[in-house]
N, C-alpha and C. Protein backbone atom coordinates (compact mmCIF):
# COMPACT_ATOMS: atom_id res chain seq x y z
N MET A 1 46.29 68.38 41.11
CA MET A 1 47.38 67.91 41.93
C MET A 1 46.90 66.81 42.87
N LYS A 2 47.75 65.74 42.91
CA LYS A 2 47.41 64.57 43.71
C LYS A 2 47.80 64.72 45.18
N LYS A 3 47.07 64.15 46.08
CA LYS A 3 47.44 64.13 47.51
C LYS A 3 48.40 63.00 47.75
N GLN A 4 49.16 63.05 48.81
CA GLN A 4 50.08 62.01 49.22
C GLN A 4 49.77 61.60 50.65
N ARG A 5 49.81 60.33 50.95
CA ARG A 5 49.52 59.80 52.32
C ARG A 5 50.78 59.20 52.88
N CYS A 6 51.08 59.55 54.19
CA CYS A 6 52.19 58.96 54.90
C CYS A 6 51.86 57.53 55.22
N LEU A 7 52.76 56.61 54.85
CA LEU A 7 52.56 55.19 55.11
C LEU A 7 52.79 54.83 56.59
N VAL A 8 53.40 55.73 57.32
CA VAL A 8 53.69 55.49 58.74
C VAL A 8 52.54 55.85 59.63
N CYS A 9 51.98 57.12 59.42
CA CYS A 9 50.94 57.61 60.36
C CYS A 9 49.60 57.93 59.71
N GLY A 10 49.59 57.97 58.36
CA GLY A 10 48.32 58.22 57.67
C GLY A 10 48.06 59.71 57.32
N TYR A 11 49.01 60.59 57.77
CA TYR A 11 48.86 62.03 57.43
C TYR A 11 48.73 62.19 55.92
N VAL A 12 47.87 63.10 55.44
CA VAL A 12 47.69 63.32 54.04
C VAL A 12 48.15 64.69 53.71
N TYR A 13 49.14 64.73 52.80
CA TYR A 13 49.61 66.01 52.25
C TYR A 13 48.73 66.47 51.15
N ASP A 14 48.10 67.61 51.33
CA ASP A 14 47.20 68.19 50.29
C ASP A 14 47.92 69.35 49.63
N PRO A 15 48.23 69.26 48.36
CA PRO A 15 48.97 70.33 47.68
C PRO A 15 48.29 71.64 47.73
N GLU A 16 46.92 71.70 47.72
CA GLU A 16 46.23 72.94 47.83
C GLU A 16 46.47 73.68 49.14
N ALA A 17 46.64 72.91 50.18
CA ALA A 17 46.91 73.50 51.52
C ALA A 17 48.34 73.63 51.78
N GLY A 18 49.23 72.80 51.26
CA GLY A 18 50.61 72.85 51.49
C GLY A 18 50.91 72.54 52.97
N ASP A 19 52.02 73.01 53.45
CA ASP A 19 52.34 72.84 54.92
C ASP A 19 53.10 74.12 55.31
N PRO A 20 52.36 75.21 55.39
CA PRO A 20 52.97 76.51 55.69
C PRO A 20 53.76 76.58 57.00
N ALA A 21 53.35 75.79 57.97
CA ALA A 21 54.09 75.79 59.21
C ALA A 21 55.45 75.23 59.09
N ASN A 22 55.70 74.49 58.01
CA ASN A 22 57.01 73.86 57.76
C ASN A 22 57.65 74.36 56.45
N GLY A 23 57.20 75.52 55.99
CA GLY A 23 57.86 76.09 54.85
C GLY A 23 57.42 75.75 53.49
N VAL A 24 56.25 75.03 53.38
CA VAL A 24 55.71 74.63 52.06
C VAL A 24 54.42 75.39 51.84
N LYS A 25 54.51 76.33 50.87
CA LYS A 25 53.40 77.22 50.58
C LYS A 25 52.22 76.47 50.01
N PRO A 26 50.95 76.93 50.26
CA PRO A 26 49.74 76.35 49.57
C PRO A 26 49.99 76.45 48.08
N GLY A 27 49.50 75.34 47.42
CA GLY A 27 49.67 75.27 45.93
C GLY A 27 50.91 74.61 45.48
N THR A 28 51.71 74.05 46.44
CA THR A 28 52.97 73.38 46.14
C THR A 28 52.74 71.91 45.75
N ALA A 29 53.00 71.55 44.49
CA ALA A 29 52.86 70.20 44.05
C ALA A 29 53.86 69.30 44.78
N TRP A 30 53.50 68.01 44.93
CA TRP A 30 54.39 67.08 45.67
C TRP A 30 55.82 67.06 45.16
N LYS A 31 55.98 67.11 43.79
CA LYS A 31 57.32 67.01 43.20
C LYS A 31 58.12 68.24 43.56
N ASN A 32 57.47 69.38 44.04
CA ASN A 32 58.21 70.59 44.36
C ASN A 32 58.40 70.72 45.89
N VAL A 33 57.94 69.75 46.64
CA VAL A 33 58.15 69.75 48.09
C VAL A 33 59.64 69.40 48.33
N PRO A 34 60.38 70.16 49.11
CA PRO A 34 61.75 69.85 49.33
C PRO A 34 62.05 68.42 49.73
N GLU A 35 63.15 67.86 49.26
CA GLU A 35 63.43 66.50 49.59
C GLU A 35 63.73 66.27 51.06
N ASP A 36 64.15 67.31 51.79
CA ASP A 36 64.40 67.18 53.19
C ASP A 36 63.19 67.46 54.08
N TRP A 37 62.04 67.70 53.44
CA TRP A 37 60.80 67.87 54.16
C TRP A 37 60.42 66.59 54.90
N ILE A 38 59.85 66.65 56.10
CA ILE A 38 59.44 65.42 56.80
C ILE A 38 57.98 65.58 57.22
N CYS A 39 57.34 64.44 57.44
CA CYS A 39 55.95 64.47 57.86
C CYS A 39 55.83 65.27 59.10
N PRO A 40 54.88 66.25 59.12
CA PRO A 40 54.75 67.10 60.33
C PRO A 40 54.11 66.35 61.48
N VAL A 41 53.54 65.19 61.30
CA VAL A 41 52.95 64.44 62.37
C VAL A 41 53.93 63.45 63.05
N CYS A 42 54.63 62.65 62.13
CA CYS A 42 55.48 61.59 62.74
C CYS A 42 56.98 61.67 62.40
N GLY A 43 57.31 62.59 61.49
CA GLY A 43 58.69 62.81 61.09
C GLY A 43 59.20 61.86 60.07
N ALA A 44 58.33 61.11 59.35
CA ALA A 44 58.77 60.26 58.29
C ALA A 44 59.34 61.02 57.12
N ASP A 45 60.29 60.45 56.38
CA ASP A 45 60.87 61.05 55.23
C ASP A 45 59.87 61.08 54.09
N LYS A 46 60.10 61.89 53.10
CA LYS A 46 59.26 62.03 51.93
C LYS A 46 59.07 60.66 51.19
N GLU A 47 60.08 59.79 51.24
CA GLU A 47 59.98 58.49 50.57
C GLU A 47 58.90 57.60 51.18
N GLU A 48 58.46 57.94 52.37
CA GLU A 48 57.43 57.10 53.09
C GLU A 48 56.00 57.54 52.67
N PHE A 49 55.82 58.25 51.59
CA PHE A 49 54.50 58.72 51.20
C PHE A 49 54.08 58.01 49.90
N GLU A 50 52.76 57.85 49.76
CA GLU A 50 52.24 57.24 48.44
C GLU A 50 51.11 58.16 47.95
N GLU A 51 50.85 58.11 46.68
CA GLU A 51 49.81 58.86 46.05
C GLU A 51 48.48 58.30 46.43
N VAL A 52 47.47 59.16 46.74
CA VAL A 52 46.10 58.68 47.01
C VAL A 52 45.07 59.35 46.11
């Protein structure tokens, strides 16, 4: 599973870690992250991320 980086602040979403504090379980692939999820650091939308 590929990581995704926020183009606004540089936060990296790691699918192995997920984002449990915001309802995304560890092991959740990017395509399965809810569309209304936002960057936990800066609040950017999912569209503001790129694969790294």
